Structure formats: structure tokens, C-alpha cells
Full PDB file with SEQRES, HELIX, SHEET, SSBOND, CRYST1, ORIGX, SCALE, CONECT and MASTER records, all heavy atoms in Angstrom:
SEQRES   1 A   35  GLY SER GLY LEU ILE ILE PRO ILE SER SER GLN LEU GLY          
SEQRES   2 A   35  LYS VAL ILE VAL PRO PHE SER GLY GLN TYR SER PRO THR          
SEQRES   3 A   35  LYS PHE ALA LEU GLU ALA MET ASN GLN                          
HELIX    1 AA1 GLN A   11  GLY A   13  5                                   3    
HELIX    2 AA2 TYR A   23  ASN A   34  1                                  12    
CRYST1    1.000    1.000    1.000  90.00  90.00  90.00 P 1           1          
ORIGX1      1.000000  0.000000  0.000000        0.00000                         
ORIGX2      0.000000  1.000000  0.000000        0.00000                         
ORIGX3      0.000000  0.000000  1.000000        0.00000                         
SCALE1      1.000000  0.000000  0.000000        0.00000                         
SCALE2      0.000000  1.000000  0.000000        0.00000                         
SCALE3      0.000000  0.000000  1.000000        0.00000                         
ATOM      1  N   GLY A   1     129.464 138.354  67.306  1.00  0.00           N  
ATOM      2  CA  GLY A   1     128.341 137.579  67.822  1.00  0.00           C  
ATOM      3  C   GLY A   1     127.500 136.905  66.773  1.00  0.00           C  
ATOM      4  O   GLY A   1     126.314 136.612  67.008  1.00  0.00           O  
ATOM      5  N   SER A   2     128.091 136.606  65.614  1.00  0.00           N  
ATOM      6  CA  SER A   2     127.356 135.901  64.574  1.00  0.00           C  
ATOM      7  C   SER A   2     128.322 135.300  63.572  1.00  0.00           C  
ATOM      8  O   SER A   2     129.479 135.713  63.466  1.00  0.00           O  
ATOM      9  CB  SER A   2     126.376 136.834  63.853  1.00  0.00           C  
ATOM     10  OG  SER A   2     127.085 137.826  63.128  1.00  0.00           O  
ATOM     11  N   GLY A   3     127.830 134.322  62.818  1.00  0.00           N  
ATOM     12  CA  GLY A   3     128.647 133.691  61.788  1.00  0.00           C  
ATOM     13  C   GLY A   3     128.134 132.301  61.476  1.00  0.00           C  
ATOM     14  O   GLY A   3     127.293 131.745  62.191  1.00  0.00           O  
ATOM     15  N   LEU A   4     128.656 131.741  60.401  1.00  0.00           N  
ATOM     16  CA  LEU A   4     128.267 130.408  59.966  1.00  0.00           C  
ATOM     17  C   LEU A   4     129.491 129.700  59.406  1.00  0.00           C  
ATOM     18  O   LEU A   4     130.191 130.250  58.547  1.00  0.00           O  
ATOM     19  CB  LEU A   4     127.177 130.493  58.890  1.00  0.00           C  
ATOM     20  CG  LEU A   4     126.799 129.197  58.162  1.00  0.00           C  
ATOM     21  CD1 LEU A   4     126.260 128.155  59.133  1.00  0.00           C  
ATOM     22  CD2 LEU A   4     125.787 129.490  57.050  1.00  0.00           C  
ATOM     23  N   ILE A   5     129.742 128.496  59.882  1.00  0.00           N  
ATOM     24  CA  ILE A   5     130.838 127.662  59.393  1.00  0.00           C  
ATOM     25  C   ILE A   5     130.235 126.453  58.695  1.00  0.00           C  
ATOM     26  O   ILE A   5     129.408 125.739  59.281  1.00  0.00           O  
ATOM     27  CB  ILE A   5     131.759 127.223  60.545  1.00  0.00           C  
ATOM     28  CG1 ILE A   5     132.427 128.446  61.170  1.00  0.00           C  
ATOM     29  CG2 ILE A   5     132.814 126.232  60.049  1.00  0.00           C  
ATOM     30  CD1 ILE A   5     133.138 128.150  62.463  1.00  0.00           C  
ATOM     31  N   ILE A   6     130.649 126.228  57.459  1.00  0.00           N  
ATOM     32  CA  ILE A   6     130.131 125.111  56.667  1.00  0.00           C  
ATOM     33  C   ILE A   6     131.295 124.258  56.182  1.00  0.00           C  
ATOM     34  O   ILE A   6     131.966 124.619  55.211  1.00  0.00           O  
ATOM     35  CB  ILE A   6     129.304 125.600  55.463  1.00  0.00           C  
ATOM     36  CG1 ILE A   6     128.140 126.483  55.924  1.00  0.00           C  
ATOM     37  CG2 ILE A   6     128.792 124.416  54.646  1.00  0.00           C  
ATOM     38  CD1 ILE A   6     127.334 127.077  54.783  1.00  0.00           C  
ATOM     39  N   PRO A   7     131.571 123.141  56.837  1.00  0.00           N  
ATOM     40  CA  PRO A   7     132.579 122.219  56.317  1.00  0.00           C  
ATOM     41  C   PRO A   7     131.956 121.266  55.305  1.00  0.00           C  
ATOM     42  O   PRO A   7     130.834 120.799  55.495  1.00  0.00           O  
ATOM     43  CB  PRO A   7     133.032 121.463  57.567  1.00  0.00           C  
ATOM     44  CG  PRO A   7     131.827 121.463  58.450  1.00  0.00           C  
ATOM     45  CD  PRO A   7     131.075 122.739  58.160  1.00  0.00           C  
ATOM     46  N   ILE A   8     132.670 120.986  54.222  1.00  0.00           N  
ATOM     47  CA  ILE A   8     132.195 120.027  53.231  1.00  0.00           C  
ATOM     48  C   ILE A   8     132.761 118.661  53.598  1.00  0.00           C  
ATOM     49  O   ILE A   8     133.945 118.390  53.411  1.00  0.00           O  
ATOM     50  CB  ILE A   8     132.611 120.419  51.809  1.00  0.00           C  
ATOM     51  CG1 ILE A   8     132.162 121.846  51.497  1.00  0.00           C  
ATOM     52  CG2 ILE A   8     132.011 119.436  50.803  1.00  0.00           C  
ATOM     53  CD1 ILE A   8     130.682 122.087  51.608  1.00  0.00           C  
ATOM     54  N   SER A   9     131.918 117.826  54.124  1.00  0.00           N  
ATOM     55  CA  SER A   9     132.302 116.472  54.503  1.00  0.00           C  
ATOM     56  C   SER A   9     131.944 115.531  53.357  1.00  0.00           C  
ATOM     57  O   SER A   9     132.231 115.817  52.191  1.00  0.00           O  
ATOM     58  CB  SER A   9     131.605 116.077  55.806  1.00  0.00           C  
ATOM     59  OG  SER A   9     131.970 114.778  56.197  1.00  0.00           O  
ATOM     60  N   SER A  10     131.284 114.428  53.660  1.00  0.00           N  
ATOM     61  CA  SER A  10     130.965 113.416  52.663  1.00  0.00           C  
ATOM     62  C   SER A  10     130.064 112.380  53.313  1.00  0.00           C  
ATOM     63  O   SER A  10     129.999 112.278  54.545  1.00  0.00           O  
ATOM     64  CB  SER A  10     132.259 112.739  52.180  1.00  0.00           C  
ATOM     65  OG  SER A  10     131.988 111.571  51.434  1.00  0.00           O  
ATOM     66  N   GLN A  11     129.365 111.605  52.486  1.00  0.00           N  
ATOM     67  CA  GLN A  11     128.714 110.407  53.027  1.00  0.00           C  
ATOM     68  C   GLN A  11     129.739 109.543  53.750  1.00  0.00           C  
ATOM     69  O   GLN A  11     129.423 108.899  54.751  1.00  0.00           O  
ATOM     70  CB  GLN A  11     128.073 109.593  51.902  1.00  0.00           C  
ATOM     71  CG  GLN A  11     126.859 110.227  51.274  1.00  0.00           C  
ATOM     72  CD  GLN A  11     126.250 109.363  50.191  1.00  0.00           C  
ATOM     73  OE1 GLN A  11     126.903 108.475  49.648  1.00  0.00           O  
ATOM     74  NE2 GLN A  11     124.988 109.616  49.862  1.00  0.00           N  
ATOM     75  N   LEU A  12     130.974 109.555  53.238  1.00  0.00           N  
ATOM     76  CA  LEU A  12     132.026 108.723  53.825  1.00  0.00           C  
ATOM     77  C   LEU A  12     132.598 109.336  55.097  1.00  0.00           C  
ATOM     78  O   LEU A  12     133.576 108.827  55.641  1.00  0.00           O  
ATOM     79  CB  LEU A  12     133.137 108.478  52.799  1.00  0.00           C  
ATOM     80  CG  LEU A  12     132.699 107.740  51.532  1.00  0.00           C  
ATOM     81  CD1 LEU A  12     133.906 107.381  50.672  1.00  0.00           C  
ATOM     82  CD2 LEU A  12     131.903 106.481  51.858  1.00  0.00           C  
ATOM     83  N   GLY A  13     131.980 110.417  55.570  1.00  0.00           N  
ATOM     84  CA  GLY A  13     132.295 110.917  56.899  1.00  0.00           C  
ATOM     85  C   GLY A  13     131.482 110.222  57.971  1.00  0.00           C  
ATOM     86  O   GLY A  13     131.666 110.468  59.167  1.00  0.00           O  
ATOM     87  N   LYS A  14     130.588 109.323  57.540  1.00  0.00           N  
ATOM     88  CA  LYS A  14     129.790 108.560  58.495  1.00  0.00           C  
ATOM     89  C   LYS A  14     129.705 107.077  58.138  1.00  0.00           C  
ATOM     90  O   LYS A  14     129.410 106.256  59.002  1.00  0.00           O  
ATOM     91  CB  LYS A  14     128.367 109.141  58.571  1.00  0.00           C  
ATOM     92  CG  LYS A  14     128.261 110.377  59.440  1.00  0.00           C  
ATOM     93  CD  LYS A  14     128.475 110.039  60.907  1.00  0.00           C  
ATOM     94  CE  LYS A  14     128.354 111.255  61.820  1.00  0.00           C  
ATOM     95  NZ  LYS A  14     129.502 112.156  61.737  1.00  0.00           N  
ATOM     96  N   VAL A  15     129.918 106.716  56.876  1.00  0.00           N  
ATOM     97  CA  VAL A  15     129.944 105.311  56.467  1.00  0.00           C  
ATOM     98  C   VAL A  15     131.277 105.032  55.785  1.00  0.00           C  
ATOM     99  O   VAL A  15     131.941 105.948  55.301  1.00  0.00           O  
ATOM    100  CB  VAL A  15     128.769 104.960  55.519  1.00  0.00           C  
ATOM    101  CG1 VAL A  15     127.443 105.105  56.235  1.00  0.00           C  
ATOM    102  CG2 VAL A  15     128.793 105.848  54.281  1.00  0.00           C  
ATOM    103  N   ILE A  16     131.675 103.776  55.753  1.00  0.00           N  
ATOM    104  CA  ILE A  16     133.014 103.414  55.306  1.00  0.00           C  
ATOM    105  C   ILE A  16     132.941 102.454  54.130  1.00  0.00           C  
ATOM    106  O   ILE A  16     132.259 101.427  54.191  1.00  0.00           O  
ATOM    107  CB  ILE A  16     133.815 102.753  56.449  1.00  0.00           C  
ATOM    108  CG1 ILE A  16     133.976 103.746  57.612  1.00  0.00           C  
ATOM    109  CG2 ILE A  16     135.183 102.294  55.958  1.00  0.00           C  
ATOM    110  CD1 ILE A  16     134.496 103.113  58.877  1.00  0.00           C  
ATOM    111  N   VAL A  17     133.644 102.804  53.052  1.00  0.00           N  
ATOM    112  CA  VAL A  17     133.827 101.920  51.909  1.00  0.00           C  
ATOM    113  C   VAL A  17     135.241 101.360  51.980  1.00  0.00           C  
ATOM    114  O   VAL A  17     136.200 102.141  52.030  1.00  0.00           O  
ATOM    115  CB  VAL A  17     133.617 102.664  50.578  1.00  0.00           C  
ATOM    116  CG1 VAL A  17     133.918 101.742  49.398  1.00  0.00           C  
ATOM    117  CG2 VAL A  17     132.199 103.195  50.488  1.00  0.00           C  
ATOM    118  N   PRO A  18     135.411 100.036  52.017  1.00  0.00           N  
ATOM    119  CA  PRO A  18     136.771  99.477  52.075  1.00  0.00           C  
ATOM    120  C   PRO A  18     137.641  99.958  50.925  1.00  0.00           C  
ATOM    121  O   PRO A  18     137.152 100.207  49.820  1.00  0.00           O  
ATOM    122  CB  PRO A  18     136.531  97.963  51.985  1.00  0.00           C  
ATOM    123  CG  PRO A  18     135.134  97.764  52.461  1.00  0.00           C  
ATOM    124  CD  PRO A  18     134.379  98.989  52.028  1.00  0.00           C  
ATOM    125  N   PHE A  19     138.912 100.116  51.191  1.00  0.00           N  
ATOM    126  CA  PHE A  19     139.921 100.492  50.208  1.00  0.00           C  
ATOM    127  C   PHE A  19     139.782 101.929  49.726  1.00  0.00           C  
ATOM    128  O   PHE A  19     140.240 102.276  48.645  1.00  0.00           O  
ATOM    129  CB  PHE A  19     139.930  99.518  49.013  1.00  0.00           C  
ATOM    130  CG  PHE A  19     140.011  98.071  49.420  1.00  0.00           C  
ATOM    131  CD1 PHE A  19     138.980  97.193  49.117  1.00  0.00           C  
ATOM    132  CD2 PHE A  19     141.104  97.597  50.122  1.00  0.00           C  
ATOM    133  CE1 PHE A  19     139.035  95.867  49.508  1.00  0.00           C  
ATOM    134  CE2 PHE A  19     141.188  96.265  50.514  1.00  0.00           C  
ATOM    135  CZ  PHE A  19     140.155  95.391  50.204  1.00  0.00           C  
ATOM    136  N   SER A  20     139.144 102.761  50.533  1.00  0.00           N  
ATOM    137  CA  SER A  20     139.062 104.189  50.217  1.00  0.00           C  
ATOM    138  C   SER A  20     140.177 104.977  50.887  1.00  0.00           C  
ATOM    139  O   SER A  20     140.109 106.211  50.973  1.00  0.00           O  
ATOM    140  CB  SER A  20     137.698 104.749  50.644  1.00  0.00           C  
ATOM    141  OG  SER A  20     136.672 104.182  49.867  1.00  0.00           O  
ATOM    142  N   GLY A  21     141.175 104.267  51.368  1.00  0.00           N  
ATOM    143  CA  GLY A  21     142.337 104.925  51.957  1.00  0.00           C  
ATOM    144  C   GLY A  21     141.997 105.717  53.200  1.00  0.00           C  
ATOM    145  O   GLY A  21     141.151 105.322  54.007  1.00  0.00           O  
ATOM    146  N   GLN A  22     142.655 106.856  53.350  1.00  0.00           N  
ATOM    147  CA  GLN A  22     142.462 107.687  54.539  1.00  0.00           C  
ATOM    148  C   GLN A  22     141.319 108.689  54.360  1.00  0.00           C  
ATOM    149  O   GLN A  22     141.143 109.568  55.206  1.00  0.00           O  
ATOM    150  CB  GLN A  22     143.763 108.459  54.842  1.00  0.00           C  
ATOM    151  CG  GLN A  22     144.972 107.588  55.122  1.00  0.00           C  
ATOM    152  CD  GLN A  22     144.910 106.940  56.500  1.00  0.00           C  
ATOM    153  OE1 GLN A  22     143.849 106.866  57.119  1.00  0.00           O  
ATOM    154  NE2 GLN A  22     146.037 106.467  56.991  1.00  0.00           N  
ATOM    155  N   TYR A  23     140.538 108.552  53.290  1.00  0.00           N  
ATOM    156  CA  TYR A  23     139.483 109.533  53.043  1.00  0.00           C  
ATOM    157  C   TYR A  23     138.444 109.521  54.161  1.00  0.00           C  
ATOM    158  O   TYR A  23     138.147 110.566  54.765  1.00  0.00           O  
ATOM    159  CB  TYR A  23     138.820 109.265  51.695  1.00  0.00           C  
ATOM    160  CG  TYR A  23     137.891 110.374  51.259  1.00  0.00           C  
ATOM    161  CD1 TYR A  23     138.400 111.599  50.824  1.00  0.00           C  
ATOM    162  CD2 TYR A  23     136.511 110.221  51.285  1.00  0.00           C  
ATOM    163  CE1 TYR A  23     137.568 112.629  50.425  1.00  0.00           C  
ATOM    164  CE2 TYR A  23     135.670 111.244  50.882  1.00  0.00           C  
ATOM    165  CZ  TYR A  23     136.196 112.438  50.452  1.00  0.00           C  
ATOM    166  OH  TYR A  23     135.363 113.461  50.067  1.00  0.00           O  
ATOM    167  N   SER A  24     137.873 108.352  54.444  1.00  0.00           N  
ATOM    168  CA  SER A  24     136.891 108.285  55.535  1.00  0.00           C  
ATOM    169  C   SER A  24     137.485 108.701  56.873  1.00  0.00           C  
ATOM    170  O   SER A  24     136.855 109.474  57.613  1.00  0.00           O  
ATOM    171  CB  SER A  24     136.280 106.887  55.634  1.00  0.00           C  
ATOM    172  OG  SER A  24     135.195 106.753  54.750  1.00  0.00           O  
ATOM    173  N   PRO A  25     138.684 108.231  57.255  1.00  0.00           N  
ATOM    174  CA  PRO A  25     139.250 108.695  58.527  1.00  0.00           C  
ATOM    175  C   PRO A  25     139.346 110.216  58.625  1.00  0.00           C  
ATOM    176  O   PRO A  25     139.056 110.783  59.677  1.00  0.00           O  
ATOM    177  CB  PRO A  25     140.636 108.032  58.541  1.00  0.00           C  
ATOM    178  CG  PRO A  25     140.440 106.750  57.804  1.00  0.00           C  
ATOM    179  CD  PRO A  25     139.479 107.106  56.703  1.00  0.00           C  
ATOM    180  N   THR A  26     139.730 110.880  57.517  1.00  0.00           N  
ATOM    181  CA  THR A  26     139.826 112.344  57.603  1.00  0.00           C  
ATOM    182  C   THR A  26     138.438 112.981  57.691  1.00  0.00           C  
ATOM    183  O   THR A  26     138.253 113.968  58.417  1.00  0.00           O  
ATOM    184  CB  THR A  26     140.582 112.935  56.399  1.00  0.00           C  
ATOM    185  OG1 THR A  26     139.898 112.623  55.175  1.00  0.00           O  
ATOM    186  CG2 THR A  26     142.002 112.404  56.338  1.00  0.00           C  
ATOM    187  N   LYS A  27     137.466 112.452  56.981  1.00  0.00           N  
ATOM    188  CA  LYS A  27     136.122 113.038  57.029  1.00  0.00           C  
ATOM    189  C   LYS A  27     135.437 112.739  58.358  1.00  0.00           C  
ATOM    190  O   LYS A  27     134.663 113.570  58.861  1.00  0.00           O  
ATOM    191  CB  LYS A  27     135.284 112.538  55.849  1.00  0.00           C  
ATOM    192  CG  LYS A  27     135.776 113.028  54.496  1.00  0.00           C  
ATOM    193  CD  LYS A  27     135.761 114.555  54.386  1.00  0.00           C  
ATOM    194  CE  LYS A  27     136.122 115.031  52.985  1.00  0.00           C  
ATOM    195  NZ  LYS A  27     136.083 116.494  52.854  1.00  0.00           N  
ATOM    196  N   PHE A  28     135.691 111.566  58.954  1.00  0.00           N  
ATOM    197  CA  PHE A  28     135.185 111.301  60.301  1.00  0.00           C  
ATOM    198  C   PHE A  28     135.752 112.339  61.261  1.00  0.00           C  
ATOM    199  O   PHE A  28     135.028 112.884  62.107  1.00  0.00           O  
ATOM    200  CB  PHE A  28     135.591 109.898  60.751  1.00  0.00           C  
ATOM    201  CG  PHE A  28     134.612 108.811  60.425  1.00  0.00           C  
ATOM    202  CD1 PHE A  28     134.280 108.513  59.113  1.00  0.00           C  
ATOM    203  CD2 PHE A  28     134.023 108.061  61.430  1.00  0.00           C  
ATOM    204  CE1 PHE A  28     133.381 107.504  58.799  1.00  0.00           C  
ATOM    205  CE2 PHE A  28     133.124 107.042  61.134  1.00  0.00           C  
ATOM    206  CZ  PHE A  28     132.801 106.764  59.816  1.00  0.00           C  
ATOM    207  N   ALA A  29     137.047 112.615  61.150  1.00  0.00           N  
ATOM    208  CA  ALA A  29     137.675 113.604  62.033  1.00  0.00           C  
ATOM    209  C   ALA A  29     137.105 114.990  61.791  1.00  0.00           C  
ATOM    210  O   ALA A  29     136.845 115.752  62.739  1.00  0.00           O  
ATOM    211  CB  ALA A  29     139.189 113.604  61.816  1.00  0.00           C  
ATOM    212  N   LEU A  30     136.894 115.345  60.519  1.00  0.00           N  
ATOM    213  CA  LEU A  30     136.316 116.651  60.191  1.00  0.00           C  
ATOM    214  C   LEU A  30     134.932 116.799  60.810  1.00  0.00           C  
ATOM    215  O   LEU A  30     134.595 117.853  61.374  1.00  0.00           O  
ATOM    216  CB  LEU A  30     136.232 116.804  58.669  1.00  0.00           C  
ATOM    217  CG  LEU A  30     135.646 118.113  58.147  1.00  0.00           C  
ATOM    218  CD1 LEU A  30     136.601 119.276  58.413  1.00  0.00           C  
ATOM    219  CD2 LEU A  30     135.332 118.011  56.660  1.00  0.00           C  
ATOM    220  N   GLU A  31     134.131 115.747  60.733  1.00  0.00           N  
ATOM    221  CA  GLU A  31     132.783 115.804  61.308  1.00  0.00           C  
ATOM    222  C   GLU A  31     132.836 115.949  62.827  1.00  0.00           C  
ATOM    223  O   GLU A  31     132.091 116.742  63.409  1.00  0.00           O  
ATOM    224  CB  GLU A  31     131.999 114.552  60.913  1.00  0.00           C  
ATOM    225  CG  GLU A  31     131.706 114.469  59.430  1.00  0.00           C  
ATOM    226  CD  GLU A  31     130.231 114.295  59.132  1.00  0.00           C  
ATOM    227  OE1 GLU A  31     129.420 114.232  60.069  1.00  0.00           O  
ATOM    228  OE2 GLU A  31     129.894 114.235  57.922  1.00  0.00           O  
ATOM    229  N   ALA A  32     133.695 115.176  63.470  1.00  0.00           N  
ATOM    230  CA  ALA A  32     133.784 115.254  64.934  1.00  0.00           C  
ATOM    231  C   ALA A  32     134.236 116.637  65.376  1.00  0.00           C  
ATOM    232  O   ALA A  32     133.682 117.217  66.329  1.00  0.00           O  
ATOM    233  CB  ALA A  32     134.748 114.185  65.446  1.00  0.00           C  
ATOM    234  N   MET A  33     135.223 117.185  64.689  1.00  0.00           N  
ATOM    235  CA  MET A  33     135.735 118.512  65.044  1.00  0.00           C  
ATOM    236  C   MET A  33     134.651 119.569  64.908  1.00  0.00           C  
ATOM    237  O   MET A  33     134.478 120.434  65.787  1.00  0.00           O  
ATOM    238  CB  MET A  33     136.927 118.858  64.143  1.00  0.00           C  
ATOM    239  CG  MET A  33     137.518 120.232  64.387  1.00  0.00           C  
ATOM    240  SD  MET A  33     139.037 120.513  63.426  1.00  0.00           S  
ATOM    241  CE  MET A  33     138.374 120.611  61.753  1.00  0.00           C  
ATOM    242  N   ASN A  34     133.875 119.496  63.839  1.00  0.00           N  
ATOM    243  CA  ASN A  34     132.864 120.518  63.614  1.00  0.00           C  
ATOM    244  C   ASN A  34     131.630 120.323  64.485  1.00  0.00           C  
ATOM    245  O   ASN A  34     130.980 121.303  64.847  1.00  0.00           O  
ATOM    246  CB  ASN A  34     132.506 120.573  62.130  1.00  0.00           C  
ATOM    247  CG  ASN A  34     133.521 121.357  61.340  1.00  0.00           C  
ATOM    248  OD1 ASN A  34     133.455 122.584  61.266  1.00  0.00           O  
ATOM    249  ND2 ASN A  34     134.513 120.669  60.776  1.00  0.00           N  
ATOM    250  N   GLN A  35     131.297 119.090  64.842  1.00  0.00           N  
ATOM    251  CA  GLN A  35     130.189 118.909  65.777  1.00  0.00           C  
ATOM    252  C   GLN A  35     130.569 119.449  67.147  1.00  0.00           C  
ATOM    253  O   GLN A  35     129.746 120.079  67.825  1.00  0.00           O  
ATOM    254  CB  GLN A  35     129.783 117.437  65.874  1.00  0.00           C  
ATOM    255  CG  GLN A  35     128.558 117.239  66.759  1.00  0.00           C  
ATOM    256  CD  GLN A  35     127.817 115.950  66.486  1.00  0.00           C  
ATOM    257  OE1 GLN A  35     128.042 115.283  65.481  1.00  0.00           O  
ATOM    258  NE2 GLN A  35     126.920 115.581  67.381  1.00  0.00           N  
TER     259      GLN A  35                                                      
MASTER        0    0    0    2    0    0    0    6  258    1    0    3          
END                                                                             
């Protein structure tokens, strides 16, 4: 009945820099999964 999960995302989990490959897509997915 207790615990804490801390995923390390990134600014690029919410904003996108062109030519950053699949980094932002994976961090967007990580954020959605954890929310």
C-alpha cells in the first residue's frame, strides 16, 4: 500500500527539437505511460 515511481524523462518529453531522432517520441511515450 505504498511506493514511489520516478521515471527520468526530459524536457524533450514535452517539447520537440528537430533531428533529435526517436528521443522525443520515446520520452513522450514514457511520460504518457507514467501519467
